[in-house]
């Protein structure tokens, strides 16, 4: 079970791990727990999100340094010192080097500790500086925007407008964090974050499976029989693809690197194109030809089915 308070334990790396080791650890977990590879598995989705959050923090040198120094927590929030930490910082605590046991508190140290505690209790609530709350919102993105990346505008209930940058390869249900765009802080404290949950609208002819994209492509009877080059739409623009003569409906072809573009530790996916032969409107000349046509090698495409 991952430790949500420690991104190092979540990814299973040591605290002095290199960026390359962190990247490899995240890639390994992403392949294991990716929602597209574990459909309907809420546990796998949760583990994938935890690993993504840990990777986001540790891949940022500034955030990683702040976490290592105890300035922020595992989700990037400013960390508030405990009374013990305040006391250690203000009065200190003496330890016996010989025995390794803590020695008695001095009168001055106790005075500093309890004075700090009671002063904090007596301090008016409005004078206590505290961060604002995180606020959750949802945004529906177009299929291609989630694949190639885009910036979408989101209007909040209070009338504020946020420009949300959707990274390439964004997944259904992924949560994006906009720092400082949540609830206002208290007594001068920092604002909370806005957590944007992304939902992806279906596309008219593309479907997605992890980094790969699938497409059912209509082709004419002449194109299927004679073969040749055809123009294929892809998420990043049309490309030319050759189909072999005599291609049946259902034939699947692959365009390398034309799926979801490479992003972060993820490599570019593939575009799988399945041919769907479309006869089209009635053609008198074609009908007359077929009635008089005597194939050189007659075949029955249902022969295997009829034997069973």
Protein backbone atom coordinates (compact mmCIF):
# COMPACT_ATOMS: atom_id res chain seq x y z
CA UNK A 1 0.00 0.00 0.00
CA UNK A 2 1.61 3.33 -0.99
CA UNK A 3 2.35 5.96 1.65
CA UNK A 4 0.40 9.02 0.50
CA UNK A 5 2.45 11.21 2.87
CA UNK A 6 5.72 10.27 1.18
CA UNK A 7 6.01 10.44 -2.64
CA UNK A 8 9.33 8.55 -2.46
CA UNK A 9 7.57 5.52 -0.91
CA UNK A 10 4.67 5.87 -3.37
CA UNK A 11 7.11 5.46 -6.29
CA UNK A 12 9.31 2.99 -4.38
CA UNK A 13 12.55 5.00 -4.73
CA UNK A 14 15.15 6.25 -2.26
CA UNK A 15 15.24 9.88 -1.19
CA UNK A 16 18.49 10.45 -3.13
CA UNK A 17 17.09 8.88 -6.32
CA UNK A 18 18.06 10.55 -9.60
CA UNK A 19 15.50 12.07 -11.94
CA UNK A 20 16.06 9.15 -14.32
CA UNK A 21 15.31 6.65 -11.53
CA UNK A 22 12.14 8.56 -10.61
CA UNK A 23 11.04 8.62 -14.25
CA UNK A 24 11.63 4.86 -14.64
CA UNK A 25 9.80 4.07 -11.41
CA UNK A 26 6.77 6.10 -12.48
CA UNK A 27 6.74 4.52 -15.94
CA UNK A 28 6.77 1.05 -14.37
CA UNK A 29 3.82 1.88 -12.08
CA UNK A 30 1.95 3.63 -14.89
CA UNK A 31 2.17 0.55 -17.11
CA UNK A 32 0.93 -1.65 -14.25
CA UNK A 33 -1.95 0.51 -12.97
CA UNK A 34 -3.01 2.51 -16.05
CA UNK A 35 -6.85 2.79 -16.06
CA UNK A 36 -7.02 1.81 -19.72
CA UNK A 37 -5.27 -1.47 -18.88
CA UNK A 38 -7.47 -2.03 -15.82
CA UNK A 39 -10.99 -1.03 -16.93
CA UNK A 40 -13.43 -0.79 -14.04
CA UNK A 41 -10.70 -1.30 -11.43
CA UNK A 42 -11.10 1.62 -9.01
CA UNK A 43 -8.08 0.50 -6.96
CA UNK A 44 -5.77 0.55 -9.99
CA UNK A 45 -7.09 4.01 -10.95
CA UNK A 46 -6.37 5.29 -7.43
CA UNK A 47 -2.82 3.86 -7.49
CA UNK A 48 -2.21 5.42 -10.90
CA UNK A 49 -3.37 8.84 -9.67
CA UNK A 50 -1.18 8.56 -6.54
CA UNK A 51 1.84 7.67 -8.67
CA UNK A 52 1.10 10.56 -11.06
CA UNK A 53 0.89 13.05 -8.18
CA UNK A 54 4.13 11.74 -6.65
CA UNK A 55 5.90 11.94 -10.02
CA UNK A 56 4.62 15.48 -10.60
CA UNK A 57 6.09 16.63 -7.28
CA UNK A 58 9.44 14.82 -7.48
CA UNK A 59 9.99 15.71 -11.16
CA UNK A 60 9.95 19.40 -10.23
CA UNK A 61 13.33 20.23 -8.58
CA UNK A 62 11.88 23.24 -6.75
CA UNK A 63 8.91 21.32 -5.31
CA UNK A 64 11.11 18.35 -4.47
CA UNK A 65 13.48 20.60 -2.53
CA UNK A 66 10.58 22.20 -0.65
CA UNK A 67 9.22 18.76 0.28
CA UNK A 68 12.65 17.51 1.40
CA UNK A 69 13.01 20.58 3.65
CA UNK A 70 9.54 20.02 5.10
CA UNK A 71 8.13 23.25 3.65
CA UNK A 72 5.29 21.52 1.73
CA UNK A 73 3.43 18.24 2.08
CA UNK A 74 3.06 15.41 -0.43
CA UNK A 75 0.36 17.26 -2.41
CA UNK A 76 2.23 20.55 -2.54
CA UNK A 77 0.48 22.40 0.28
CA UNK A 78 2.43 24.67 2.61
CA UNK A 79 3.17 22.67 5.76
CA UNK A 80 2.33 24.19 9.15
CA UNK A 81 4.90 23.55 11.95
CA UNK A 82 3.74 21.54 14.97
CA UNK A 83 4.10 22.79 18.55
CA UNK A 84 7.07 20.45 19.02
CA UNK A 85 8.76 21.88 15.93
CA UNK A 86 8.03 25.42 17.12
CA UNK A 87 9.49 24.61 20.50
CA UNK A 88 12.56 22.99 18.98
CA UNK A 89 13.08 26.04 16.82
CA UNK A 90 12.51 28.60 19.60
CA UNK A 91 13.92 26.99 22.73
CA UNK A 92 15.65 23.83 21.52
CA UNK A 93 16.01 20.59 23.39
CA UNK A 94 19.20 19.21 24.83
CA UNK A 95 20.22 15.60 24.28
CA UNK A 96 22.88 13.65 26.10
CA UNK A 97 25.58 12.68 23.65
CA UNK A 98 26.80 9.89 25.93
CA UNK A 99 23.51 8.12 26.66
CA UNK A 100 21.48 9.20 23.65
CA UNK A 101 18.60 10.07 26.04
CA UNK A 102 16.96 13.48 26.22
CA UNK A 103 18.01 15.55 29.20
CA UNK A 104 15.60 17.60 31.33
CA UNK A 105 14.10 20.77 29.96
CA UNK A 106 15.66 23.90 31.38
CA UNK A 107 13.43 26.47 33.09
CA UNK A 108 14.09 28.93 30.27
CA UNK A 109 13.20 26.34 27.60
CA UNK A 110 9.95 25.42 29.37
CA UNK A 111 9.09 29.08 29.75
CA UNK A 112 9.66 29.68 26.04
CA UNK A 113 7.64 26.60 25.07
CA UNK A 114 4.57 27.25 27.23
CA UNK A 115 4.72 30.98 26.58
CA UNK A 116 4.56 30.28 22.83
CA UNK A 117 1.71 27.79 23.24
CA UNK A 118 -0.47 30.00 25.43
CA UNK A 119 0.22 33.10 23.38
CA UNK A 120 -0.97 31.16 20.32
CA UNK A 121 -4.13 30.07 22.15
CA UNK A 122 -4.88 33.61 23.30
CA UNK A 123 -4.27 35.05 19.84
CA UNK A 124 -7.59 36.07 18.16
CA UNK A 125 -8.81 33.70 15.45
CA UNK A 126 -8.75 36.43 12.82
CA UNK A 127 -5.05 36.99 13.47
CA UNK A 128 -4.03 33.40 12.72
CA UNK A 129 -2.56 33.04 9.27
CA UNK A 130 -3.78 29.91 7.44
CA UNK A 131 -4.04 28.73 3.83
CA UNK A 132 -7.39 28.64 2.03
CA UNK A 133 -9.23 25.46 1.14
CA UNK A 134 -8.75 23.58 -2.12
CA UNK A 135 -11.80 23.74 -4.36
CA UNK A 136 -12.89 21.06 -6.87
CA UNK A 137 -14.33 21.71 -10.32
CA UNK A 138 -14.89 19.66 -13.48
CA UNK A 139 -14.17 20.44 -17.12
CA UNK A 140 -15.23 18.54 -20.25
CA UNK A 141 -12.51 18.61 -22.91
CA UNK A 142 -12.73 17.68 -26.57
CA UNK A 143 -11.20 14.32 -27.49
CA UNK A 144 -8.42 15.81 -29.64
CA UNK A 145 -7.63 18.47 -27.01
CA UNK A 146 -6.95 15.71 -24.50
CA UNK A 147 -4.79 13.87 -27.05
CA UNK A 148 -2.62 16.70 -28.38
CA UNK A 149 -2.97 19.29 -25.60
CA UNK A 150 -4.83 22.60 -25.53
CA UNK A 151 -5.93 25.45 -23.27
CA UNK A 152 -9.60 25.50 -22.31
CA UNK A 153 -11.44 28.31 -20.55
CA UNK A 154 -13.48 27.42 -17.45
CA UNK A 155 -16.00 29.78 -15.84
CA UNK A 156 -16.41 29.15 -12.10
CA UNK A 157 -19.68 29.53 -10.14
CA UNK A 158 -18.41 32.80 -8.62
CA UNK A 159 -17.86 34.29 -12.08
CA UNK A 160 -14.09 33.89 -12.17
CA UNK A 161 -12.56 32.61 -15.40
CA UNK A 162 -9.64 30.19 -15.46
CA UNK A 163 -7.53 29.23 -18.47
CA UNK A 164 -6.83 25.54 -17.90
CA UNK A 165 -3.84 24.09 -19.74
CA UNK A 166 -4.68 20.50 -20.70
CA UNK A 167 -1.45 18.53 -21.27
CA UNK A 168 -1.09 16.16 -24.21
CA UNK A 169 -2.21 12.67 -23.26
CA UNK A 170 -4.63 13.74 -20.52
CA UNK A 171 -6.77 10.82 -19.33
CA UNK A 172 -10.44 10.60 -18.37
CA UNK A 173 -10.81 11.54 -14.70
CA UNK A 174 -7.31 13.04 -14.41
CA UNK A 175 -7.12 15.92 -11.93
CA UNK A 176 -5.15 19.06 -12.78
CA UNK A 177 -3.99 21.38 -9.99
CA UNK A 178 -3.99 25.16 -10.43
CA UNK A 179 -2.04 26.61 -7.53
CA UNK A 180 -3.51 29.61 -5.76
CA UNK A 181 -6.84 29.47 -7.60
CA UNK A 182 -8.88 27.93 -4.78
CA UNK A 183 -10.40 29.44 -1.64
CA UNK A 184 -8.92 32.64 -0.20
CA UNK A 185 -6.44 32.30 2.66
CA UNK A 186 -7.09 33.50 6.22
CA UNK A 187 -5.39 36.55 7.71
CA UNK A 188 -3.02 36.92 4.78
CA UNK A 189 -2.43 33.20 4.29
CA UNK A 190 -1.97 31.77 0.78
CA UNK A 191 -4.98 30.82 -1.31
CA UNK A 192 -5.83 27.16 -1.78
CA UNK A 193 -5.62 25.35 -5.09
CA UNK A 194 -8.25 24.65 -7.75
CA UNK A 195 -8.48 20.93 -8.54
CA UNK A 196 -9.88 20.45 -12.06
CA UNK A 197 -11.21 16.97 -12.90
CA UNK A 198 -11.08 16.37 -16.64
CA UNK A 199 -13.81 14.52 -18.51
CA UNK A 200 -13.28 13.74 -22.20
CA UNK A 201 -16.06 13.98 -24.78
CA UNK A 202 -16.31 11.05 -27.23
CA UNK A 203 -15.15 11.57 -30.81
CA UNK A 204 -17.15 10.86 -33.96
CA UNK A 205 -14.68 8.28 -35.33
CA UNK A 206 -11.64 8.01 -33.02
CA UNK A 207 -11.41 5.82 -29.91
CA UNK A 208 -8.49 5.64 -27.51
CA UNK A 209 -6.75 2.78 -25.72
CA UNK A 210 -3.87 4.05 -23.59
CA UNK A 211 -1.39 5.73 -25.93
CA UNK A 212 -2.94 4.12 -29.02
CA UNK A 213 -5.83 5.43 -31.11
CA UNK A 214 -8.16 3.37 -33.31
CA UNK A 215 -10.02 4.48 -36.40
CA UNK A 216 -12.62 2.78 -38.63
CA UNK A 217 -11.85 4.14 -42.10
CA UNK A 218 -14.42 3.90 -44.93
CA UNK A 219 -12.92 2.94 -48.32
CA UNK A 220 -14.63 2.52 -51.66
CA UNK A 221 -14.98 -0.82 -53.43
CA UNK A 222 -12.52 0.32 -56.10
CA UNK A 223 -9.93 1.32 -53.48
CA UNK A 224 -10.30 -2.04 -51.72
CA UNK A 225 -10.02 -4.03 -54.97
CA UNK A 226 -7.28 -2.06 -56.71
CA UNK A 227 -5.33 -0.78 -53.69
CA UNK A 228 -3.17 2.32 -53.76
CA UNK A 229 -2.60 5.41 -51.63
CA UNK A 230 -5.38 6.95 -49.57
CA UNK A 231 -5.48 9.98 -47.27
CA UNK A 232 -5.98 9.09 -43.59
CA UNK A 233 -7.00 11.64 -40.93
CA UNK A 234 -4.84 11.54 -37.77
CA UNK A 235 -4.96 13.63 -34.57
CA UNK A 236 -2.06 15.75 -35.85
CA UNK A 237 -3.15 16.06 -39.48
CA UNK A 238 -3.83 13.88 -42.56
CA UNK A 239 -1.18 11.46 -43.83
CA UNK A 240 -0.98 9.18 -46.88
CA UNK A 241 -1.16 5.41 -46.40
CA UNK A 242 -0.89 2.55 -48.90
CA UNK A 243 -3.45 -0.23 -48.92
CA UNK A 244 -2.82 -3.51 -50.72
CA UNK A 245 -4.97 -4.64 -53.66
CA UNK A 246 -7.78 -6.96 -52.61
CA UNK A 247 -8.02 -5.62 -49.05
CA UNK A 248 -11.06 -7.03 -47.24
CA UNK A 249 -13.33 -5.06 -44.95
CA UNK A 250 -11.90 -5.41 -41.44
CA UNK A 251 -8.25 -5.34 -42.56
CA UNK A 252 -6.25 -3.47 -39.90
CA UNK A 253 -3.22 -1.33 -40.72
CA UNK A 254 -0.87 0.54 -38.39
CA UNK A 255 0.61 4.03 -38.61
CA UNK A 256 3.57 4.21 -36.23
CA UNK A 257 3.77 7.19 -33.88
CA UNK A 258 0.45 8.64 -35.06
CA UNK A 259 -1.47 7.94 -31.85
CA UNK A 260 -1.17 10.04 -28.70
CA UNK A 261 2.00 12.20 -29.03
CA UNK A 262 4.97 11.56 -26.74
CA UNK A 263 4.72 13.40 -23.41
CA UNK A 264 6.73 13.11 -20.21
CA UNK A 265 7.86 9.48 -19.79
CA UNK A 266 5.24 8.24 -22.29
CA UNK A 267 6.30 7.30 -25.83
CA UNK A 268 4.15 8.18 -28.83
CA UNK A 269 1.33 5.71 -29.46
CA UNK A 270 0.20 4.04 -32.68
CA UNK A 271 -2.81 4.72 -34.91
CA UNK A 272 -4.61 1.51 -35.87
CA UNK A 273 -6.73 1.87 -39.01
CA UNK A 274 -9.44 -0.71 -39.72
CA UNK A 275 -10.74 -0.66 -43.30
CA UNK A 276 -14.50 -0.66 -43.82
CA UNK A 277 -15.50 -1.25 -47.43
CA UNK A 278 -18.45 0.92 -48.47
CA UNK A 279 -20.21 0.07 -51.74
CA UNK A 280 -22.04 3.38 -51.93
CA UNK A 281 -24.98 4.36 -54.13
CA UNK A 282 -26.35 1.86 -56.72
CA UNK A 283 -24.19 1.73 -59.85
CA UNK A 284 -25.83 0.26 -62.96
CA UNK A 285 -22.53 -0.41 -64.72
CA UNK A 286 -21.17 -2.25 -61.65
CA UNK A 287 -24.32 -4.35 -61.35
CA UNK A 288 -24.19 -5.37 -65.02
CA UNK A 289 -20.50 -6.25 -64.71
CA UNK A 290 -21.07 -8.45 -61.66
CA UNK A 291 -23.94 -10.32 -63.33
CA UNK A 292 -21.72 -11.20 -66.30
CA UNK A 293 -18.47 -11.62 -64.33
CA UNK A 294 -16.94 -15.07 -64.14
CA UNK A 295 -14.16 -14.97 -61.51
CA UNK A 296 -10.92 -16.72 -62.38
CA UNK A 297 -10.75 -18.27 -58.89
CA UNK A 298 -14.27 -18.61 -57.48
CA UNK A 299 -14.46 -18.61 -53.70
CA UNK A 300 -17.08 -18.80 -50.99
CA UNK A 301 -16.19 -16.42 -48.09
CA UNK A 302 -18.65 -18.29 -45.82
CA UNK A 303 -17.26 -21.75 -46.55
CA UNK A 304 -15.62 -22.19 -43.14
CA UNK A 305 -18.82 -21.16 -41.35
CA UNK A 306 -21.00 -23.53 -43.37
CA UNK A 307 -18.87 -26.54 -42.37
CA UNK A 308 -19.63 -26.02 -38.68
